[in-house]
């Protein structure tokens, strides 16, 4: 059984990965919106 400290470290790493993923996702959304706006014009 993993100890709590180890689990806490994993949770911290997971949070960082989620933050990176959200950043990438929002960048992609901004690019998509810019592309859609460019197509509309």
PDB file of N, CA and C in Angstrom:
ATOM      1  N   UNK A   1       0.841  -1.203   0.000  1.00  0.00           N
ATOM      2  CA  UNK A   1       0.000   0.000   0.000  1.00  0.00           C
ATOM      3  C   UNK A   1       0.879   1.256   0.000  1.00  0.00           C
ATOM      4  N   UNK A   2       0.619   2.187  -0.903  1.00  0.00           N
ATOM      5  CA  UNK A   2       1.423   3.411  -0.924  1.00  0.00           C
ATOM      6  C   UNK A   2       1.137   4.263   0.302  1.00  0.00           C
ATOM      7  N   UNK A   3       2.157   4.900   0.837  1.00  0.00           N
ATOM      8  CA  UNK A   3       1.909   5.745   2.008  1.00  0.00           C
ATOM      9  C   UNK A   3       1.319   7.087   1.577  1.00  0.00           C
ATOM     10  N   UNK A   4       0.804   7.831   2.528  1.00  0.00           N
ATOM     11  CA  UNK A   4       0.083   9.074   2.214  1.00  0.00           C
ATOM     12  C   UNK A   4       0.986  10.140   1.597  1.00  0.00           C
ATOM     13  N   UNK A   5       2.242  10.183   2.051  1.00  0.00           N
ATOM     14  CA  UNK A   5       3.161  11.186   1.515  1.00  0.00           C
ATOM     15  C   UNK A   5       3.354  10.961   0.016  1.00  0.00           C
ATOM     16  N   UNK A   6       3.547   9.693  -0.363  1.00  0.00           N
ATOM     17  CA  UNK A   6       3.725   9.341  -1.768  1.00  0.00           C
ATOM     18  C   UNK A   6       2.494   9.737  -2.569  1.00  0.00           C
ATOM     19  N   UNK A   7       1.331   9.424  -2.036  1.00  0.00           N
ATOM     20  CA  UNK A   7       0.083   9.779  -2.714  1.00  0.00           C
ATOM     21  C   UNK A   7      -0.036  11.289  -2.872  1.00  0.00           C
ATOM     22  N   UNK A   8       0.351  12.024  -1.806  1.00  0.00           N
ATOM     23  CA  UNK A   8       0.305  13.486  -1.859  1.00  0.00           C
ATOM     24  C   UNK A   8       1.223  14.034  -2.943  1.00  0.00           C
ATOM     25  N   UNK A   9       2.407  13.429  -3.086  1.00  0.00           N
ATOM     26  CA  UNK A   9       3.337  13.861  -4.139  1.00  0.00           C
ATOM     27  C   UNK A   9       2.714  13.626  -5.507  1.00  0.00           C
ATOM     28  N   UNK A  10       2.079  12.470  -5.675  1.00  0.00           N
ATOM     29  CA  UNK A  10       1.439  12.163  -6.959  1.00  0.00           C
ATOM     30  C   UNK A  10       0.327  13.156  -7.255  1.00  0.00           C
ATOM     31  N   UNK A  11      -0.433  13.512  -6.226  1.00  0.00           N
ATOM     32  CA  UNK A  11      -1.529  14.458  -6.396  1.00  0.00           C
ATOM     33  C   UNK A  11      -0.983  15.815  -6.847  1.00  0.00           C
ATOM     34  N   UNK A  12       0.141  16.218  -6.245  1.00  0.00           N
ATOM     35  CA  UNK A  12       0.770  17.490  -6.603  1.00  0.00           C
ATOM     36  C   UNK A  12       1.204  17.466  -8.073  1.00  0.00           C
ATOM     37  N   UNK A  13       1.825  16.356  -8.475  1.00  0.00           N
ATOM     38  CA  UNK A  13       2.273  16.219  -9.862  1.00  0.00           C
ATOM     39  C   UNK A  13       1.074  16.232 -10.806  1.00  0.00           C
ATOM     40  N   UNK A  14       0.014  15.528 -10.402  1.00  0.00           N
ATOM     41  CA  UNK A  14      -1.201  15.473 -11.212  1.00  0.00           C
ATOM     42  C   UNK A  14      -1.784  16.870 -11.400  1.00  0.00           C
ATOM     43  N   UNK A  15      -1.799  17.651 -10.314  1.00  0.00           N
ATOM     44  CA  UNK A  15      -2.326  19.025 -10.417  1.00  0.00           C
ATOM     45  C   UNK A  15      -1.517  19.841 -11.411  1.00  0.00           C
ATOM     46  N   UNK A  16      -0.190  19.658 -11.401  1.00  0.00           N
ATOM     47  CA  UNK A  16       0.653  20.404 -12.339  1.00  0.00           C
ATOM     48  C   UNK A  16       0.352  19.986 -13.773  1.00  0.00           C
ATOM     49  N   UNK A  17       0.162  18.673 -13.980  1.00  0.00           N
ATOM     50  CA  UNK A  17      -0.176  18.190 -15.321  1.00  0.00           C
ATOM     51  C   UNK A  17      -1.511  18.770 -15.776  1.00  0.00           C
ATOM     52  N   UNK A  18      -2.477  18.818 -14.867  1.00  0.00           N
ATOM     53  CA  UNK A  18      -3.795  19.367 -15.212  1.00  0.00           C
ATOM     54  C   UNK A  18      -3.665  20.850 -15.565  1.00  0.00           C
ATOM     55  N   UNK A  19      -2.842  21.581 -14.812  1.00  0.00           N
ATOM     56  CA  UNK A  19      -2.638  23.008 -15.091  1.00  0.00           C
ATOM     57  C   UNK A  19      -2.020  23.185 -16.481  1.00  0.00           C
ATOM     58  N   UNK A  20      -1.021  22.355 -16.814  1.00  0.00           N
ATOM     59  CA  UNK A  20      -0.402  22.418 -18.144  1.00  0.00           C
ATOM     60  C   UNK A  20      -1.423  22.102 -19.222  1.00  0.00           C
ATOM     61  N   UNK A  21      -2.240  21.072 -18.981  1.00  0.00           N
ATOM     62  CA  UNK A  21      -3.244  20.657 -19.955  1.00  0.00           C
ATOM     63  C   UNK A  21      -4.245  21.779 -20.192  1.00  0.00           C
ATOM     64  N   UNK A  22      -4.686  22.421 -19.101  1.00  0.00           N
ATOM     65  CA  UNK A  22      -5.646  23.515 -19.238  1.00  0.00           C
ATOM     66  C   UNK A  22      -5.049  24.668 -20.035  1.00  0.00           C
ATOM     67  N   UNK A  23      -3.752  24.953 -19.786  1.00  0.00           N
ATOM     68  CA  UNK A  23      -3.082  26.033 -20.497  1.00  0.00           C
ATOM     69  C   UNK A  23      -3.043  25.723 -21.992  1.00  0.00           C
ATOM     70  N   UNK A  24      -2.648  24.488 -22.330  1.00  0.00           N
ATOM     71  CA  UNK A  24      -2.584  24.075 -23.731  1.00  0.00           C
ATOM     72  C   UNK A  24      -3.970  24.124 -24.355  1.00  0.00           C
ATOM     73  N   UNK A  25      -4.968  23.650 -23.605  1.00  0.00           N
ATOM     74  CA  UNK A  25      -6.331  23.615 -24.124  1.00  0.00           C
ATOM     75  C   UNK A  25      -6.834  25.022 -24.410  1.00  0.00           C
ATOM     76  N   UNK A  26      -6.608  25.969 -23.468  1.00  0.00           N
ATOM     77  CA  UNK A  26      -7.103  27.330 -23.680  1.00  0.00           C
ATOM     78  C   UNK A  26      -6.362  27.984 -24.844  1.00  0.00           C
ATOM     79  N   UNK A  27      -5.063  27.673 -25.020  1.00  0.00           N
ATOM     80  CA  UNK A  27      -4.323  28.195 -26.180  1.00  0.00           C
ATOM     81  C   UNK A  27      -4.943  27.673 -27.468  1.00  0.00           C
ATOM     82  N   UNK A  28      -5.288  26.383 -27.482  1.00  0.00           N
ATOM     83  CA  UNK A  28      -5.887  25.782 -28.668  1.00  0.00           C
ATOM     84  C   UNK A  28      -7.233  26.419 -28.979  1.00  0.00           C
ATOM     85  N   UNK A  29      -8.012  26.667 -27.944  1.00  0.00           N
ATOM     86  CA  UNK A  29      -9.328  27.290 -28.127  1.00  0.00           C
ATOM     87  C   UNK A  29      -9.164  28.685 -28.713  1.00  0.00           C
ATOM     88  N   UNK A  30      -8.190  29.438 -28.201  1.00  0.00           N
ATOM     89  CA  UNK A  30      -7.944  30.788 -28.721  1.00  0.00           C
ATOM     90  C   UNK A  30      -7.556  30.715 -30.197  1.00  0.00           C
ATOM     91  N   UNK A  31      -6.702  29.751 -30.555  1.00  0.00           N
ATOM     92  CA  UNK A  31      -6.294  29.596 -31.953  1.00  0.00           C
ATOM     93  C   UNK A  31      -7.480  29.240 -32.832  1.00  0.00           C
ATOM     94  N   UNK A  32      -8.332  28.338 -32.330  1.00  0.00           N
ATOM     95  CA  UNK A  32      -9.525  27.935 -33.089  1.00  0.00           C
ATOM     96  C   UNK A  32     -10.433  29.143 -33.317  1.00  0.00           C
ATOM     97  N   UNK A  33     -10.641  29.940 -32.272  1.00  0.00           N
ATOM     98  CA  UNK A  33     -11.509  31.109 -32.394  1.00  0.00           C
ATOM     99  C   UNK A  33     -10.933  32.103 -33.397  1.00  0.00           C
ATOM    100  N   UNK A  34      -9.613  32.298 -33.345  1.00  0.00           N
ATOM    101  CA  UNK A  34      -8.959  33.210 -34.274  1.00  0.00           C
ATOM    102  C   UNK A  34      -9.123  32.696 -35.709  1.00  0.00           C
ATOM    103  N   UNK A  35      -8.987  31.355 -35.877  1.00  0.00           N
ATOM    104  CA  UNK A  35      -9.124  30.748 -37.194  1.00  0.00           C
ATOM    105  C   UNK A  35     -10.550  30.899 -37.706  1.00  0.00           C
ATOM    106  N   UNK A  36     -11.535  30.653 -36.821  1.00  0.00           N
ATOM    107  CA  UNK A  36     -12.948  30.780 -37.203  1.00  0.00           C
ATOM    108  C   UNK A  36     -13.256  32.224 -37.588  1.00  0.00           C
ATOM    109  N   UNK A  37     -12.745  33.173 -36.809  1.00  0.00           N
ATOM    110  CA  UNK A  37     -12.966  34.583 -37.128  1.00  0.00           C
ATOM    111  C   UNK A  37     -12.328  34.933 -38.473  1.00  0.00           C
ATOM    112  N   UNK A  38     -11.161  34.375 -38.749  1.00  0.00           N
ATOM    113  CA  UNK A  38     -10.478  34.626 -40.020  1.00  0.00           C
ATOM    114  C   UNK A  38     -11.276  34.069 -41.191  1.00  0.00           C
ATOM    115  N   UNK A  39     -11.896  32.908 -40.998  1.00  0.00           N
ATOM    116  CA  UNK A  39     -12.691  32.278 -42.063  1.00  0.00           C
ATOM    117  C   UNK A  39     -13.957  33.082 -42.316  1.00  0.00           C
ATOM    118  N   UNK A  40     -14.558  33.598 -41.263  1.00  0.00           N
ATOM    119  CA  UNK A  40     -15.811  34.362 -41.402  1.00  0.00           C
ATOM    120  C   UNK A  40     -15.614  35.633 -42.216  1.00  0.00           C
ATOM    121  N   UNK A  41     -14.454  36.268 -42.030  1.00  0.00           N
ATOM    122  CA  UNK A  41     -14.229  37.549 -42.702  1.00  0.00           C
ATOM    123  C   UNK A  41     -14.039  37.390 -44.206  1.00  0.00           C
TER     124      UNK A  41
END
